[in-house]
Amino acid sequence: MNKTVKKLDNNVVKALTIVCETAKDQIVGFEWLTHSADYSNFPSSLVITCVLDNVLSLELMLASQQDQELRKHIQKQLLKAGFLLKDVRRHVFFDTEEACLLEHNGDWKRRLLKN
């Protein structure tokens, strides 16, 4: 990772850390988030995965439209860091620890490769 890419990634991490800490306080069952990107095609290639504890928590979040608020918060923090996402829905996805455990034996590295 060269210096420019490292700086970009650090800025993304800082923005997403703010989002993550807020989400843990405001969304029942929210646990963590992660991201990946091909920095030669950034920010178009940015993929953010938000992880909740189980399917019920995910369904409750979707039913209360907290997913939309979370996407707005992600978009806002990334914009503050200087990154514009044209359509945040193409970049932010949701998953659960429960599904990873059932489908990939808890192997997040393997699970995230499917995206």
N, C-alpha and C. Protein backbone atom coordinates (compact mmCIF):
# COMPACT_ATOMS: atom_id res chain seq x y z
N MET A 1 0.85 -1.17 0.00
CA MET A 1 0.00 0.00 0.00
C MET A 1 0.90 1.24 0.00
N ASN A 2 0.80 2.06 -1.05
CA ASN A 2 1.63 3.26 -1.09
C ASN A 2 1.08 4.34 -0.15
N LYS A 3 1.84 5.44 -0.01
CA LYS A 3 1.47 6.48 0.95
C LYS A 3 0.11 7.11 0.67
N THR A 4 -0.17 7.35 -0.61
CA THR A 4 -1.44 7.98 -0.97
C THR A 4 -2.62 7.08 -0.63
N VAL A 5 -2.50 5.80 -0.97
CA VAL A 5 -3.56 4.84 -0.68
C VAL A 5 -3.72 4.68 0.83
N LYS A 6 -2.62 4.63 1.54
CA LYS A 6 -2.69 4.50 3.00
C LYS A 6 -3.41 5.69 3.62
N LYS A 7 -3.13 6.88 3.10
CA LYS A 7 -3.78 8.09 3.63
C LYS A 7 -5.29 8.05 3.33
N LEU A 8 -5.65 7.65 2.11
CA LEU A 8 -7.07 7.51 1.76
C LEU A 8 -7.76 6.54 2.70
N ASP A 9 -7.14 5.37 2.87
CA ASP A 9 -7.73 4.34 3.72
C ASP A 9 -7.85 4.82 5.17
N ASN A 10 -6.84 5.50 5.67
CA ASN A 10 -6.91 6.02 7.04
C ASN A 10 -8.06 7.00 7.21
N ASN A 11 -8.29 7.83 6.20
CA ASN A 11 -9.40 8.79 6.26
C ASN A 11 -10.75 8.08 6.22
N VAL A 12 -10.85 7.02 5.43
CA VAL A 12 -12.08 6.22 5.40
C VAL A 12 -12.31 5.58 6.76
N VAL A 13 -11.25 5.01 7.34
CA VAL A 13 -11.35 4.35 8.64
C VAL A 13 -11.81 5.34 9.71
N LYS A 14 -11.25 6.53 9.71
CA LYS A 14 -11.65 7.55 10.70
C LYS A 14 -13.13 7.88 10.57
N ALA A 15 -13.59 8.09 9.34
CA ALA A 15 -15.00 8.43 9.11
C ALA A 15 -15.91 7.29 9.55
N LEU A 16 -15.54 6.06 9.18
CA LEU A 16 -16.39 4.91 9.51
C LEU A 16 -16.35 4.56 10.99
N THR A 17 -15.27 4.89 11.67
CA THR A 17 -15.20 4.66 13.12
C THR A 17 -16.22 5.53 13.84
N ILE A 18 -16.38 6.76 13.40
CA ILE A 18 -17.39 7.65 13.98
C ILE A 18 -18.77 7.05 13.79
N VAL A 19 -19.04 6.58 12.58
CA VAL A 19 -20.33 5.97 12.27
C VAL A 19 -20.56 4.74 13.15
N CYS A 20 -19.55 3.91 13.25
CA CYS A 20 -19.67 2.65 14.01
C CYS A 20 -20.00 2.92 15.47
N GLU A 21 -19.29 3.84 16.09
CA GLU A 21 -19.52 4.13 17.50
C GLU A 21 -20.93 4.68 17.73
N THR A 22 -21.39 5.52 16.83
CA THR A 22 -22.74 6.06 16.93
C THR A 22 -23.78 4.95 16.76
N ALA A 23 -23.58 4.10 15.76
CA ALA A 23 -24.52 3.02 15.47
C ALA A 23 -24.62 2.04 16.64
N LYS A 24 -23.50 1.75 17.29
CA LYS A 24 -23.53 0.83 18.43
C LYS A 24 -24.41 1.37 19.55
N ASP A 25 -24.46 2.69 19.68
CA ASP A 25 -25.29 3.32 20.71
C ASP A 25 -26.76 3.43 20.31
N GLN A 26 -27.03 3.51 18.99
CA GLN A 26 -28.38 3.84 18.55
C GLN A 26 -29.16 2.70 17.92
N ILE A 27 -28.49 1.66 17.46
CA ILE A 27 -29.18 0.58 16.75
C ILE A 27 -29.05 -0.71 17.55
N VAL A 28 -30.17 -1.26 17.96
CA VAL A 28 -30.18 -2.49 18.74
C VAL A 28 -29.57 -3.62 17.90
N GLY A 29 -28.58 -4.28 18.45
CA GLY A 29 -27.96 -5.41 17.79
C GLY A 29 -26.81 -5.06 16.87
N PHE A 30 -26.56 -3.76 16.62
CA PHE A 30 -25.44 -3.39 15.76
C PHE A 30 -24.15 -3.73 16.48
N GLU A 31 -23.22 -4.39 15.76
CA GLU A 31 -21.97 -4.79 16.39
C GLU A 31 -20.74 -4.13 15.80
N TRP A 32 -20.60 -4.13 14.48
CA TRP A 32 -19.40 -3.57 13.87
C TRP A 32 -19.63 -3.36 12.38
N LEU A 33 -18.66 -2.71 11.74
CA LEU A 33 -18.69 -2.57 10.29
C LEU A 33 -17.28 -2.71 9.76
N THR A 34 -17.19 -2.99 8.48
CA THR A 34 -15.90 -3.10 7.82
C THR A 34 -16.04 -2.56 6.41
N HIS A 35 -14.92 -2.37 5.77
CA HIS A 35 -14.95 -1.86 4.40
C HIS A 35 -13.85 -2.50 3.56
N SER A 36 -14.06 -2.43 2.26
CA SER A 36 -13.02 -2.83 1.32
C SER A 36 -13.12 -1.91 0.12
N ALA A 37 -12.02 -1.78 -0.61
CA ALA A 37 -12.02 -0.92 -1.79
C ALA A 37 -10.84 -1.25 -2.68
N ASP A 38 -11.04 -1.04 -3.94
CA ASP A 38 -9.96 -1.05 -4.91
C ASP A 38 -9.61 0.42 -5.10
N TYR A 39 -8.51 0.86 -4.52
CA TYR A 39 -8.21 2.28 -4.50
C TYR A 39 -7.82 2.84 -5.86
N SER A 40 -7.65 1.99 -6.85
CA SER A 40 -7.44 2.51 -8.21
C SER A 40 -8.78 2.94 -8.82
N ASN A 41 -9.89 2.54 -8.18
CA ASN A 41 -11.23 2.90 -8.64
C ASN A 41 -12.05 3.39 -7.44
N PHE A 42 -11.48 4.34 -6.72
CA PHE A 42 -12.09 4.83 -5.49
C PHE A 42 -12.74 6.18 -5.75
N PRO A 43 -13.88 6.50 -5.23
CA PRO A 43 -14.67 5.77 -4.24
C PRO A 43 -15.70 4.81 -4.84
N SER A 44 -15.74 4.67 -6.16
CA SER A 44 -16.74 3.80 -6.79
C SER A 44 -16.68 2.37 -6.28
N SER A 45 -15.49 1.90 -5.93
CA SER A 45 -15.32 0.50 -5.52
C SER A 45 -15.54 0.27 -4.03
N LEU A 46 -15.80 1.31 -3.27
CA LEU A 46 -15.95 1.17 -1.81
C LEU A 46 -17.17 0.32 -1.45
N VAL A 47 -16.93 -0.68 -0.63
CA VAL A 47 -18.00 -1.55 -0.12
C VAL A 47 -17.92 -1.53 1.40
N ILE A 48 -19.04 -1.20 2.03
CA ILE A 48 -19.12 -1.15 3.49
C ILE A 48 -20.13 -2.19 3.94
N THR A 49 -19.71 -3.04 4.85
CA THR A 49 -20.61 -4.07 5.39
C THR A 49 -20.85 -3.77 6.86
N CYS A 50 -22.12 -3.58 7.20
CA CYS A 50 -22.54 -3.32 8.58
C CYS A 50 -23.08 -4.63 9.15
N VAL A 51 -22.58 -5.00 10.32
CA VAL A 51 -22.91 -6.30 10.89
C VAL A 51 -23.70 -6.15 12.18
N LEU A 52 -24.84 -6.84 12.20
CA LEU A 52 -25.68 -6.91 13.39
C LEU A 52 -25.56 -8.30 13.99
N ASP A 53 -26.06 -8.46 15.21
CA ASP A 53 -25.90 -9.73 15.90
C ASP A 53 -26.73 -10.86 15.28
N ASN A 54 -27.98 -10.57 14.91
CA ASN A 54 -28.81 -11.65 14.37
C ASN A 54 -29.85 -11.11 13.38
N VAL A 55 -30.55 -12.02 12.75
CA VAL A 55 -31.53 -11.67 11.72
C VAL A 55 -32.67 -10.83 12.32
N LEU A 56 -33.10 -11.13 13.52
CA LEU A 56 -34.17 -10.36 14.15
C LEU A 56 -33.76 -8.88 14.30
N SER A 57 -32.55 -8.64 14.76
CA SER A 57 -32.07 -7.26 14.89
C SER A 57 -32.03 -6.57 13.53
N LEU A 58 -31.60 -7.30 12.51
CA LEU A 58 -31.56 -6.74 11.16
C LEU A 58 -32.97 -6.40 10.67
N GLU A 59 -33.92 -7.31 10.90
CA GLU A 59 -35.30 -7.06 10.48
C GLU A 59 -35.89 -5.86 11.22
N LEU A 60 -35.61 -5.74 12.50
CA LEU A 60 -36.10 -4.59 13.28
C LEU A 60 -35.50 -3.28 12.77
N MET A 61 -34.21 -3.32 12.44
CA MET A 61 -33.55 -2.13 11.93
C MET A 61 -34.18 -1.70 10.59
N LEU A 62 -34.42 -2.67 9.73
CA LEU A 62 -35.03 -2.38 8.42
C LEU A 62 -36.46 -1.89 8.58
N ALA A 63 -37.22 -2.51 9.48
CA ALA A 63 -38.62 -2.12 9.69
C ALA A 63 -38.73 -0.69 10.22
N SER A 64 -37.77 -0.29 11.03
CA SER A 64 -37.81 1.06 11.61
C SER A 64 -37.06 2.08 10.74
N GLN A 65 -36.60 1.63 9.60
CA GLN A 65 -35.87 2.46 8.63
C GLN A 65 -34.58 3.04 9.17
N GLN A 66 -34.01 2.39 10.17
CA GLN A 66 -32.72 2.84 10.69
C GLN A 66 -31.61 2.58 9.68
N ASP A 67 -31.83 1.67 8.74
CA ASP A 67 -30.83 1.43 7.69
C ASP A 67 -30.64 2.69 6.85
N GLN A 68 -31.74 3.38 6.57
CA GLN A 68 -31.65 4.61 5.79
C GLN A 68 -30.89 5.69 6.55
N GLU A 69 -31.15 5.78 7.85
CA GLU A 69 -30.43 6.76 8.68
C GLU A 69 -28.95 6.42 8.75
N LEU A 70 -28.65 5.13 8.87
CA LEU A 70 -27.25 4.70 8.93
C LEU A 70 -26.54 5.02 7.62
N ARG A 71 -27.19 4.77 6.51
CA ARG A 71 -26.59 5.10 5.21
C ARG A 71 -26.34 6.62 5.10
N LYS A 72 -27.30 7.42 5.56
CA LYS A 72 -27.13 8.88 5.53
C LYS A 72 -25.94 9.30 6.39
N HIS A 73 -25.81 8.67 7.54
CA HIS A 73 -24.70 9.00 8.45
C HIS A 73 -23.37 8.61 7.81
N ILE A 74 -23.32 7.46 7.17
CA ILE A 74 -22.10 7.02 6.48
C ILE A 74 -21.76 8.02 5.38
N GLN A 75 -22.76 8.38 4.58
CA GLN A 75 -22.54 9.31 3.48
C GLN A 75 -22.03 10.66 4.00
N LYS A 76 -22.63 11.14 5.09
CA LYS A 76 -22.25 12.42 5.67
C LYS A 76 -20.80 12.39 6.18
N GLN A 77 -20.44 11.34 6.89
CA GLN A 77 -19.08 11.26 7.43
C GLN A 77 -18.04 11.11 6.33
N LEU A 78 -18.36 10.34 5.31
CA LEU A 78 -17.42 10.19 4.20
C LEU A 78 -17.29 11.51 3.43
N LEU A 79 -18.38 12.24 3.30
CA LEU A 79 -18.33 13.54 2.63
C LEU A 79 -17.45 14.52 3.42
N LYS A 80 -17.58 14.49 4.74
CA LYS A 80 -16.72 15.33 5.59
C LYS A 80 -15.24 14.99 5.38
N ALA A 81 -14.97 13.71 5.08
CA ALA A 81 -13.60 13.28 4.84
C ALA A 81 -13.16 13.53 3.38
N GLY A 82 -14.11 14.05 2.58
CA GLY A 82 -13.78 14.40 1.21
C GLY A 82 -14.14 13.36 0.15
N PHE A 83 -14.99 12.40 0.52
CA PHE A 83 -15.38 11.34 -0.41
C PHE A 83 -16.88 11.41 -0.70
N LEU A 84 -17.21 11.55 -1.98
CA LEU A 84 -18.61 11.63 -2.39
C LEU A 84 -19.06 10.29 -2.95
N LEU A 85 -20.11 9.74 -2.33
CA LEU A 85 -20.74 8.52 -2.85
C LEU A 85 -22.00 8.96 -3.58
N LYS A 86 -22.06 8.69 -4.87
CA LYS A 86 -23.22 9.12 -5.67
C LYS A 86 -24.50 8.44 -5.22
N ASP A 87 -24.45 7.14 -4.98
CA ASP A 87 -25.62 6.38 -4.53
C ASP A 87 -25.18 5.46 -3.39
N VAL A 88 -25.37 5.91 -2.18
CA VAL A 88 -24.87 5.19 -1.00
C VAL A 88 -25.42 3.76 -0.92
N ARG A 89 -26.60 3.52 -1.51
CA ARG A 89 -27.19 2.18 -1.46
C ARG A 89 -26.34 1.15 -2.22
N ARG A 90 -25.55 1.61 -3.18
CA ARG A 90 -24.68 0.70 -3.92
C ARG A 90 -23.41 0.34 -3.14
N HIS A 91 -23.17 1.04 -2.03
CA HIS A 91 -21.93 0.88 -1.29
C HIS A 91 -22.10 0.25 0.09
N VAL A 92 -23.30 0.32 0.65
CA VAL A 92 -23.53 -0.13 2.03
C VAL A 92 -24.44 -1.35 2.04
N PHE A 93 -23.95 -2.40 2.71
CA PHE A 93 -24.68 -3.66 2.81
C PHE A 93 -24.79 -4.07 4.27
N PHE A 94 -25.75 -4.95 4.55
CA PHE A 94 -25.99 -5.39 5.92
C PHE A 94 -25.89 -6.90 6.00
N ASP A 95 -25.38 -7.36 7.14
CA ASP A 95 -25.21 -8.79 7.35
C ASP A 95 -25.34 -9.04 8.85
N THR A 96 -25.30 -10.33 9.23
CA THR A 96 -25.40 -10.66 10.65
C THR A 96 -24.37 -11.70 11.06
N GLU A 97 -23.99 -11.65 12.31
CA GLU A 97 -23.10 -12.67 12.87
C GLU A 97 -23.76 -14.05 12.75
N GLU A 98 -25.06 -14.07 13.00
CA GLU A 98 -25.83 -15.32 12.95
C GLU A 98 -25.72 -15.96 11.56
N ALA A 99 -25.90 -15.18 10.51
CA ALA A 99 -25.84 -15.71 9.14
C ALA A 99 -24.43 -16.19 8.81
N CYS A 100 -23.43 -15.45 9.23
CA CYS A 100 -22.05 -15.86 8.97
C CYS A 100 -21.73 -17.17 9.66
N LEU A 101 -22.20 -17.32 10.87
CA LEU A 101 -21.97 -18.55 11.62
C LEU A 101 -22.64 -19.74 10.92
N LEU A 102 -23.87 -19.56 10.48
CA LEU A 102 -24.62 -20.63 9.82
C LEU A 102 -24.06 -20.98 8.43
N GLU A 103 -23.70 -19.95 7.66
CA GLU A 103 -23.33 -20.16 6.27
C GLU A 103 -21.83 -20.31 6.02
N HIS A 104 -21.01 -19.75 6.91
CA HIS A 104 -19.55 -19.78 6.71
C HIS A 104 -18.79 -20.17 7.98
N ASN A 105 -19.47 -20.81 8.91
CA ASN A 105 -18.84 -21.23 10.17
C ASN A 105 -18.11 -20.09 10.88
N GLY A 106 -18.65 -18.88 10.76
CA GLY A 106 -18.06 -17.73 11.44
C GLY A 106 -16.83 -17.16 10.76
N ASP A 107 -16.51 -17.61 9.55
CA ASP A 107 -15.33 -17.16 8.82
C ASP A 107 -15.67 -15.90 8.02
N TRP A 108 -15.48 -14.74 8.64
CA TRP A 108 -15.83 -13.48 8.00
C TRP A 108 -14.97 -13.19 6.79
N LYS A 109 -13.71 -13.57 6.84
CA LYS A 109 -12.83 -13.32 5.69
C LYS A 109 -13.39 -13.99 4.44
N ARG A 110 -13.78 -15.24 4.58
CA ARG A 110 -14.35 -15.98 3.45
C ARG A 110 -15.71 -15.39 3.04
N ARG A 111 -16.51 -15.04 4.02
CA ARG A 111 -17.85 -14.50 3.74
C ARG A 111 -17.75 -13.17 2.99
N LEU A 112 -16.86 -12.32 3.41
CA LEU A 112 -16.74 -11.01 2.77
C LEU A 112 -16.18 -11.09 1.36
N LEU A 113 -15.47 -12.14 1.05
CA LEU A 113 -14.95 -12.33 -0.30
C LEU A 113 -16.06 -12.54 -1.33
N LYS A 114 -17.22 -12.99 -0.86
CA LYS A 114 -18.34 -13.23 -1.78
C LYS A 114 -18.91 -11.95 -2.35
N ASN A 115 -18.66 -10.81 -1.71
CA ASN A 115 -19.20 -9.52 -2.17
C ASN A 115 -18.40 -8.96 -3.30
